[in-house]
Amino acid sequence: MDRKKRFIQTAVVVFAAFLIVGTVAANLSKSHGQDGWQLYFSQLGEALNQKDFARESYFFYVLRLRLTETAALWLLSMTAFGAVSLWAALAWLGFACGVRISLGTMVFGRSGILYFLCSIFPQAVFYVPAVLLLGIRGFQIYSFMKNQKSWGQYRRIRMGKDMLLLIILLLCLLPGIICECYINPLLLRVFF
């Protein structure tokens, strides 16, 4: 139990550290980044207000993007770079959150935090368990291979469980993708 607690504490520290790095990076690029983000937010608002917003093509775009990210992490977790790739993904999530919160606040003021929450809330309920499952699986592979050093032995012991975990992971991702494509635009339209 001590290893799991230490792992969770380390994950929180990595996420928080890169959240701060992302916030600092966004604030250092304030003069250049704010103009680009104002343009992005205004274009996003115009797209959401259009009646012919192509939700189906956006759905397939997000589906392809999320499945590609998940497949890359899933496959990388089975290599020697598995632990590094999972820590890098967690660091990237922290950095991206810091940048989005900071730039959203620069553009919208206090309501920038509401913008950030509206842009992540519905799908985060499904994405967070998916990321946790992916991370736990990756670190289990890393620990197993570190102790056993036999891919054939891993396949015999864990491959059936991995397939079940992949199905659960996909069942977590699909509702998140639906929320990201269909509920997020409605929330952003209501508040912005």
Protein backbone atom coordinates (compact mmCIF):
# COMPACT_ATOMS: atom_id res chain seq x y z
CA MET A 1 0.00 0.00 0.00
CA ASP A 2 2.93 2.28 0.65
CA ARG A 3 4.04 2.10 -3.00
CA LYS A 4 0.57 3.07 -4.24
CA LYS A 5 0.43 6.01 -1.85
CA ARG A 6 3.89 7.15 -2.95
CA PHE A 7 2.89 6.75 -6.61
CA ILE A 8 -0.24 8.88 -6.13
CA GLN A 9 1.72 11.54 -4.24
CA THR A 10 4.35 11.63 -6.98
CA ALA A 11 1.67 11.89 -9.68
CA VAL A 12 0.02 14.81 -7.86
CA VAL A 13 3.38 16.56 -7.47
CA VAL A 14 4.25 16.10 -11.17
CA PHE A 15 0.83 17.38 -12.27
CA ALA A 16 0.95 20.36 -9.88
CA ALA A 17 4.54 21.25 -10.83
CA PHE A 18 3.70 21.32 -14.53
CA LEU A 19 0.46 23.19 -13.82
CA ILE A 20 2.65 25.91 -12.30
CA VAL A 21 5.10 25.71 -15.23
CA GLY A 22 2.20 26.11 -17.67
CA THR A 23 0.86 29.09 -15.73
CA VAL A 24 4.28 30.76 -15.71
CA ALA A 25 4.78 30.04 -19.43
CA ALA A 26 1.40 31.56 -20.28
CA ASN A 27 2.13 34.64 -18.20
CA LEU A 28 5.58 35.08 -19.75
CA SER A 29 4.07 34.94 -23.23
CA LYS A 30 1.29 37.33 -22.23
CA SER A 31 1.85 39.91 -24.95
CA HIS A 32 2.08 37.40 -27.81
CA GLY A 33 -0.14 34.60 -26.49
CA GLN A 34 -3.10 36.74 -25.45
CA ASP A 35 -3.72 38.09 -28.96
CA GLY A 36 -3.66 34.60 -30.46
CA TRP A 37 -5.99 33.25 -27.79
CA GLN A 38 -8.41 36.17 -28.18
CA LEU A 39 -8.59 35.30 -31.88
CA TYR A 40 -9.07 31.61 -31.05
CA PHE A 41 -11.83 32.32 -28.51
CA SER A 42 -13.64 34.68 -30.88
CA GLN A 43 -13.46 32.15 -33.73
CA LEU A 44 -14.65 29.39 -31.41
CA GLY A 45 -17.58 31.54 -30.28
CA GLU A 46 -18.51 32.31 -33.90
CA ALA A 47 -18.36 28.61 -34.81
CA LEU A 48 -20.53 27.62 -31.86
CA ASN A 49 -23.14 30.26 -32.70
CA GLN A 50 -23.49 29.10 -36.30
CA LYS A 51 -26.48 26.90 -36.97
CA ASP A 52 -24.58 24.67 -39.39
CA PHE A 53 -21.83 23.71 -36.94
CA ALA A 54 -20.70 20.34 -38.31
CA ARG A 55 -20.97 18.23 -35.18
CA GLU A 56 -20.53 14.94 -37.02
CA SER A 57 -17.21 15.90 -38.59
CA TYR A 58 -16.09 17.37 -35.26
CA PHE A 59 -17.06 14.11 -33.53
CA PHE A 60 -14.92 12.05 -35.89
CA TYR A 61 -12.04 14.51 -35.54
CA VAL A 62 -12.12 14.26 -31.72
CA LEU A 63 -12.63 10.47 -31.89
CA ARG A 64 -9.55 10.07 -34.11
CA LEU A 65 -7.52 12.43 -31.90
CA ARG A 66 -8.40 10.75 -28.58
CA LEU A 67 -8.00 7.22 -29.93
CA THR A 68 -4.61 8.10 -31.42
CA GLU A 69 -3.43 9.56 -28.11
CA THR A 70 -4.70 6.54 -26.19
CA ALA A 71 -3.21 4.04 -28.65
CA ALA A 72 0.17 5.80 -28.52
CA LEU A 73 0.25 5.69 -24.72
CA TRP A 74 -1.07 2.11 -24.66
CA LEU A 75 1.64 0.92 -27.04
CA LEU A 76 4.42 3.00 -25.47
CA SER A 77 3.54 1.59 -22.07
CA MET A 78 4.60 -1.85 -23.34
CA THR A 79 8.11 -0.65 -24.18
CA ALA A 80 11.12 0.37 -22.15
CA PHE A 81 9.87 3.96 -22.46
CA GLY A 82 6.54 3.13 -20.83
CA ALA A 83 7.13 4.80 -17.48
CA VAL A 84 8.69 7.86 -19.09
CA SER A 85 5.84 8.25 -21.57
CA LEU A 86 3.20 8.02 -18.82
CA TRP A 87 4.99 10.60 -16.64
CA ALA A 88 5.38 12.81 -19.73
CA ALA A 89 1.64 12.53 -20.47
CA LEU A 90 0.80 13.51 -16.90
CA ALA A 91 3.22 16.44 -17.09
CA TRP A 92 1.69 17.54 -20.40
CA LEU A 93 -1.82 17.47 -18.90
CA GLY A 94 -0.64 19.69 -16.04
CA PHE A 95 1.12 22.08 -18.39
CA ALA A 96 -1.88 22.32 -20.73
CA CYS A 97 -4.24 23.00 -17.82
CA GLY A 98 -1.97 25.77 -16.52
CA VAL A 99 -1.76 27.42 -19.94
CA ARG A 100 -5.52 27.19 -20.59
CA ILE A 101 -6.48 28.55 -17.18
CA SER A 102 -4.02 31.43 -17.43
CA LEU A 103 -4.82 32.44 -20.99
CA GLY A 104 -8.55 32.01 -20.43
CA THR A 105 -8.28 34.32 -17.43
CA MET A 106 -6.23 36.84 -19.44
CA VAL A 107 -8.85 36.94 -22.18
CA PHE A 108 -12.09 36.65 -20.14
CA GLY A 109 -11.02 37.93 -16.74
CA ARG A 110 -12.54 36.05 -13.81
CA SER A 111 -14.93 34.21 -16.08
CA GLY A 112 -11.90 32.58 -17.75
CA ILE A 113 -11.92 30.00 -14.96
CA LEU A 114 -15.58 29.30 -15.75
CA TYR A 115 -14.58 28.94 -19.40
CA PHE A 116 -11.92 26.41 -18.42
CA LEU A 117 -14.36 24.44 -16.26
CA CYS A 118 -17.03 24.43 -18.99
CA SER A 119 -14.47 23.23 -21.51
CA ILE A 120 -13.34 20.23 -19.43
CA PHE A 121 -16.11 19.30 -17.01
CA PRO A 122 -18.46 16.91 -18.77
CA GLN A 123 -15.78 14.80 -20.43
CA ALA A 124 -13.37 14.92 -17.49
CA VAL A 125 -15.76 12.66 -15.58
CA PHE A 126 -14.98 9.97 -18.16
CA TYR A 127 -11.42 10.90 -19.21
CA VAL A 128 -9.95 10.94 -15.69
CA PRO A 129 -10.80 7.26 -15.01
CA ALA A 130 -9.47 6.38 -18.47
CA VAL A 131 -6.18 8.16 -17.80
CA LEU A 132 -5.93 6.52 -14.38
CA LEU A 133 -6.56 3.05 -15.87
CA LEU A 134 -3.96 3.68 -18.54
CA GLY A 135 -1.43 4.91 -16.02
CA ILE A 136 -2.00 2.05 -13.59
CA ARG A 137 -1.67 -0.49 -16.40
CA GLY A 138 1.51 1.12 -17.69
CA PHE A 139 3.16 1.15 -14.31
CA GLN A 140 2.08 -2.46 -13.66
CA ILE A 141 3.80 -3.48 -16.88
CA TYR A 142 6.86 -1.47 -15.90
CA SER A 143 7.01 -3.10 -12.44
CA PHE A 144 6.42 -6.59 -13.84
CA MET A 145 9.08 -6.28 -16.52
CA LYS A 146 11.52 -4.75 -14.05
CA ASN A 147 11.17 -7.81 -11.81
CA GLN A 148 10.59 -10.63 -14.32
CA LYS A 149 12.29 -9.43 -17.53
CA SER A 150 10.27 -11.83 -19.68
CA TRP A 151 7.71 -10.58 -22.18
CA GLY A 152 6.45 -14.12 -22.84
CA GLN A 153 5.76 -14.60 -19.15
CA TYR A 154 3.92 -11.27 -19.04
CA ARG A 155 1.79 -12.28 -22.02
CA ARG A 156 0.75 -15.55 -20.39
CA ILE A 157 -0.13 -13.89 -17.08
CA ARG A 158 -1.58 -10.49 -18.00
CA MET A 159 -2.71 -10.39 -21.64
CA GLY A 160 -6.30 -11.48 -20.91
CA LYS A 161 -6.59 -8.83 -18.20
CA ASP A 162 -5.12 -6.25 -20.59
CA MET A 163 -7.79 -6.96 -23.19
CA LEU A 164 -10.53 -6.51 -20.59
CA LEU A 165 -8.86 -3.29 -19.46
CA LEU A 166 -8.73 -2.07 -23.07
CA ILE A 167 -12.48 -2.61 -23.43
CA ILE A 168 -13.13 -0.73 -20.18
CA LEU A 169 -10.80 2.05 -21.34
CA LEU A 170 -12.70 2.41 -24.62
CA LEU A 171 -16.01 2.40 -22.74
CA CYS A 172 -14.69 5.31 -20.65
CA LEU A 173 -13.43 7.22 -23.68
CA LEU A 174 -16.54 7.03 -25.84
CA PRO A 175 -18.92 8.88 -23.45
CA GLY A 176 -16.15 11.43 -22.85
CA ILE A 177 -15.81 12.04 -26.58
CA ILE A 178 -19.59 12.40 -26.91
CA CYS A 179 -19.62 14.93 -24.05
CA GLU A 180 -16.72 16.83 -25.59
CA CYS A 181 -18.44 17.07 -28.97
CA TYR A 182 -22.07 17.62 -28.05
CA ILE A 183 -22.33 18.94 -24.47
CA ASN A 184 -19.28 21.23 -24.39
CA PRO A 185 -20.44 23.38 -27.32
CA LEU A 186 -23.82 23.82 -25.60
CA LEU A 187 -22.21 24.84 -22.31
CA LEU A 188 -19.85 27.25 -24.02
CA ARG A 189 -22.74 28.70 -26.02
CA VAL A 190 -24.77 29.28 -22.84
CA PHE A 191 -21.97 30.95 -20.89
CA PHE A 192 -19.92 32.58 -23.65
